[in-house]
Amino acid sequence: MKKFLVVPVLLMLLAPRAFADLYQWKDKDGIVHLTNDINTIPAEYQDKVKVFKTTPRPQAPAPAPAQVPAPAPSGESAVLYGDRTLEWWKEAFNRKNQEIGELQSSIAAKKQYVDLFEGGRRFGQMYGATEVANYNKYKEELPEDEKKLSSLNDELDELRRKATSAGVPRYLRGE
């Protein structure tokens, strides 16, 4: 099963320029770094930089007093996208992507088991009660799992749609 690693990302959104290009690179340990100042990127990673062009995001109307969220900590988390902080959007995308990844891994493992079982049976392989029970269970679960995966993908699309209209940066939306 794939394990998703939450990669620490450094954003410098409170720089003097309101709208700056963002630069991303991965170091030798596989850690992804993000900055808005190309001069801070080590020379050895300059040729591996991805550039994200930023555009001004539309100003969202102020939320009604009942919807005002609790004060956010200082730094990038204090910036609101819609009525949510950047940290909330990160967590929402991470949770949804992790849930989808785990279900995809589970579906792949079940399909592999079913394929191996059916292939062995075609060649006269004899199976015990446990293997037959697992086969029957997986054959029954696969359509439900695939339906749930489709639903999760729809939820991710809806989250992306909401994030887009809230002005959440593209890299966070997975685009």
Protein backbone atom coordinates (compact mmCIF):
# COMPACT_ATOMS: atom_id res chain seq x y z
CA MET A 1 0.00 0.00 0.00
CA LYS A 2 1.31 3.41 -0.88
CA LYS A 3 2.09 5.64 2.00
CA PHE A 4 1.72 9.32 1.44
CA LEU A 5 4.34 11.53 2.94
CA VAL A 6 3.32 14.98 3.96
CA VAL A 7 6.05 17.16 2.57
CA PRO A 8 6.85 20.38 4.42
CA VAL A 9 6.40 23.32 2.08
CA LEU A 10 7.73 26.80 2.75
CA LEU A 11 5.70 29.60 1.23
CA MET A 12 6.75 33.18 1.36
CA LEU A 13 3.40 34.79 0.59
CA LEU A 14 4.01 37.87 2.67
CA ALA A 15 6.86 39.12 0.49
CA PRO A 16 7.03 42.77 -0.56
CA ARG A 17 5.60 41.99 -3.99
CA ALA A 18 1.94 41.08 -3.84
CA PHE A 19 2.09 38.75 -6.83
CA ALA A 20 5.31 36.89 -7.52
CA ASP A 21 6.29 33.76 -9.36
CA LEU A 22 6.80 30.71 -7.16
CA TYR A 23 9.74 28.35 -7.60
CA GLN A 24 9.71 24.68 -6.55
CA TRP A 25 12.57 22.19 -6.36
CA LYS A 26 13.26 18.85 -4.69
CA ASP A 27 16.45 18.35 -2.69
CA LYS A 28 18.61 15.20 -2.45
CA ASP A 29 16.44 13.90 0.44
CA GLY A 30 13.27 14.20 -1.63
CA ILE A 31 11.96 17.21 0.29
CA VAL A 32 10.03 19.67 -1.85
CA HIS A 33 10.90 23.33 -1.31
CA LEU A 34 8.94 26.36 -2.49
CA THR A 35 10.02 29.99 -2.58
CA ASN A 36 9.21 33.23 -4.35
CA ASP A 37 12.88 34.31 -4.55
CA ILE A 38 14.92 32.45 -7.15
CA ASN A 39 18.12 33.70 -5.49
CA THR A 40 17.48 31.49 -2.44
CA ILE A 41 17.60 28.28 -4.49
CA PRO A 42 20.92 26.42 -4.09
CA ALA A 43 22.98 26.39 -7.30
CA GLU A 44 22.88 22.58 -7.55
CA TYR A 45 19.06 22.66 -7.90
CA GLN A 46 18.76 25.67 -10.25
CA ASP A 47 18.34 23.43 -13.31
CA LYS A 48 15.55 21.38 -11.65
CA VAL A 49 13.29 24.30 -10.69
CA LYS A 50 9.61 24.35 -11.63
CA VAL A 51 8.15 27.83 -12.06
CA PHE A 52 4.56 28.57 -11.08
CA LYS A 53 3.22 31.82 -12.49
CA THR A 54 0.90 33.51 -10.06
CA THR A 55 -1.95 35.78 -10.96
CA PRO A 56 -3.93 38.10 -8.75
CA ARG A 57 -6.85 36.29 -7.20
CA PRO A 58 -10.23 37.99 -7.22
CA GLN A 59 -11.22 39.65 -4.00
CA ALA A 60 -13.85 37.55 -2.23
CA PRO A 61 -16.72 39.31 -0.51
CA ALA A 62 -16.37 39.61 3.24
CA PRO A 63 -18.16 36.80 5.11
CA ALA A 64 -21.18 37.58 7.24
CA PRO A 65 -20.29 38.14 10.93
CA ALA A 66 -21.66 34.73 11.93
CA GLN A 67 -19.30 33.05 9.45
CA VAL A 68 -16.10 34.80 10.51
CA PRO A 69 -13.60 32.08 11.47
CA ALA A 70 -11.58 32.22 14.66
CA PRO A 71 -8.35 34.20 14.31
CA ALA A 72 -5.68 32.16 12.57
CA PRO A 73 -2.08 31.99 13.69
CA SER A 74 0.32 34.44 12.06
CA GLY A 75 2.10 33.59 8.84
CA GLU A 76 0.76 31.88 5.76
CA SER A 77 -2.08 30.23 7.68
CA ALA A 78 -3.55 33.68 8.39
CA VAL A 79 -4.27 34.25 4.68
CA LEU A 80 -7.87 33.34 3.90
CA TYR A 81 -9.00 31.66 0.71
CA GLY A 82 -12.75 31.87 0.73
CA ASP A 83 -13.58 31.43 4.40
CA ARG A 84 -10.75 28.92 5.05
CA THR A 85 -7.05 29.22 5.79
CA LEU A 86 -4.38 27.85 3.49
CA GLU A 87 -3.60 25.21 6.12
CA TRP A 88 -7.23 24.00 6.06
CA TRP A 89 -7.09 23.63 2.27
CA LYS A 90 -3.78 21.72 2.51
CA GLU A 91 -5.22 19.32 5.05
CA ALA A 92 -8.45 18.85 3.06
CA PHE A 93 -6.53 18.00 -0.13
CA ASN A 94 -4.08 15.75 1.74
CA ARG A 95 -6.91 13.83 3.45
CA LYS A 96 -8.89 13.38 0.23
CA ASN A 97 -5.81 12.35 -1.79
CA GLN A 98 -4.72 9.92 0.93
CA GLU A 99 -8.18 8.38 1.09
CA ILE A 100 -8.24 7.99 -2.71
CA GLY A 101 -4.70 6.54 -2.76
CA GLU A 102 -5.47 3.98 -0.07
CA LEU A 103 -8.65 2.88 -1.83
CA GLN A 104 -6.83 2.64 -5.18
CA SER A 105 -4.16 0.46 -3.57
CA SER A 106 -6.80 -1.74 -1.98
CA ILE A 107 -8.66 -2.13 -5.29
CA ALA A 108 -5.41 -2.97 -7.11
CA ALA A 109 -4.50 -5.62 -4.51
CA LYS A 110 -7.97 -7.19 -4.66
CA LYS A 111 -7.92 -7.24 -8.47
CA GLN A 112 -4.51 -8.86 -8.45
CA TYR A 113 -5.72 -11.53 -6.01
CA VAL A 114 -8.82 -12.22 -8.11
CA ASP A 115 -6.75 -12.42 -11.32
CA LEU A 116 -4.21 -14.79 -9.75
CA PHE A 117 -6.97 -16.93 -8.28
CA GLU A 118 -8.85 -17.19 -11.58
CA GLY A 119 -5.60 -17.83 -13.50
CA GLY A 120 -4.62 -20.61 -11.11
CA ARG A 121 -8.05 -22.17 -11.32
CA ARG A 122 -7.79 -22.27 -15.13
CA PHE A 123 -4.61 -24.32 -14.76
CA GLY A 124 -6.09 -26.74 -12.21
CA GLN A 125 -4.80 -25.09 -9.03
CA MET A 126 -6.60 -26.32 -5.92
CA TYR A 127 -7.48 -23.71 -3.29
CA GLY A 128 -8.39 -24.02 0.35
CA ALA A 129 -11.50 -22.65 2.03
CA THR A 130 -9.70 -19.45 3.12
CA GLU A 131 -8.54 -18.61 -0.41
CA VAL A 132 -12.00 -19.32 -1.84
CA ALA A 133 -13.63 -17.17 0.87
CA ASN A 134 -11.21 -14.30 0.14
CA TYR A 135 -11.87 -14.61 -3.59
CA ASN A 136 -15.63 -14.48 -3.10
CA LYS A 137 -15.31 -11.58 -0.65
CA TYR A 138 -13.10 -9.55 -3.02
CA LYS A 139 -15.35 -10.25 -6.03
CA GLU A 140 -18.27 -8.88 -3.97
CA GLU A 141 -16.35 -5.87 -2.61
CA LEU A 142 -14.72 -4.69 -5.86
CA PRO A 143 -17.82 -3.10 -7.45
CA GLU A 144 -18.62 -1.30 -4.18
CA ASP A 145 -15.00 -0.12 -3.83
CA GLU A 146 -14.95 1.16 -7.41
CA LYS A 147 -18.23 3.00 -6.83
CA LYS A 148 -16.76 4.56 -3.67
CA LEU A 149 -13.59 5.53 -5.58
CA SER A 150 -15.71 7.25 -8.20
CA SER A 151 -17.55 9.10 -5.44
CA LEU A 152 -14.25 10.15 -3.80
CA ASN A 153 -12.95 11.43 -7.14
CA ASP A 154 -16.16 13.44 -7.55
CA GLU A 155 -15.64 14.87 -4.05
CA LEU A 156 -12.05 15.79 -4.96
CA ASP A 157 -13.27 17.51 -8.13
CA GLU A 158 -15.81 19.46 -6.09
CA LEU A 159 -13.10 20.43 -3.57
CA ARG A 160 -10.92 21.61 -6.47
CA ARG A 161 -13.83 23.62 -7.88
CA LYS A 162 -14.40 25.32 -4.54
CA ALA A 163 -10.66 25.90 -4.09
CA THR A 164 -10.44 27.45 -7.55
CA SER A 165 -13.25 29.88 -6.84
CA ALA A 166 -11.66 30.71 -3.46
CA GLY A 167 -8.33 31.50 -5.16
CA VAL A 168 -6.32 28.64 -3.62
CA PRO A 169 -2.93 28.36 -5.40
CA ARG A 170 -2.80 25.85 -8.27
CA TYR A 171 0.05 23.78 -6.83
CA LEU A 172 -2.09 23.01 -3.80
CA ARG A 173 -5.07 21.98 -5.94
CA GLY A 174 -2.85 19.47 -7.76
CA GLU A 175 -2.99 21.27 -11.10
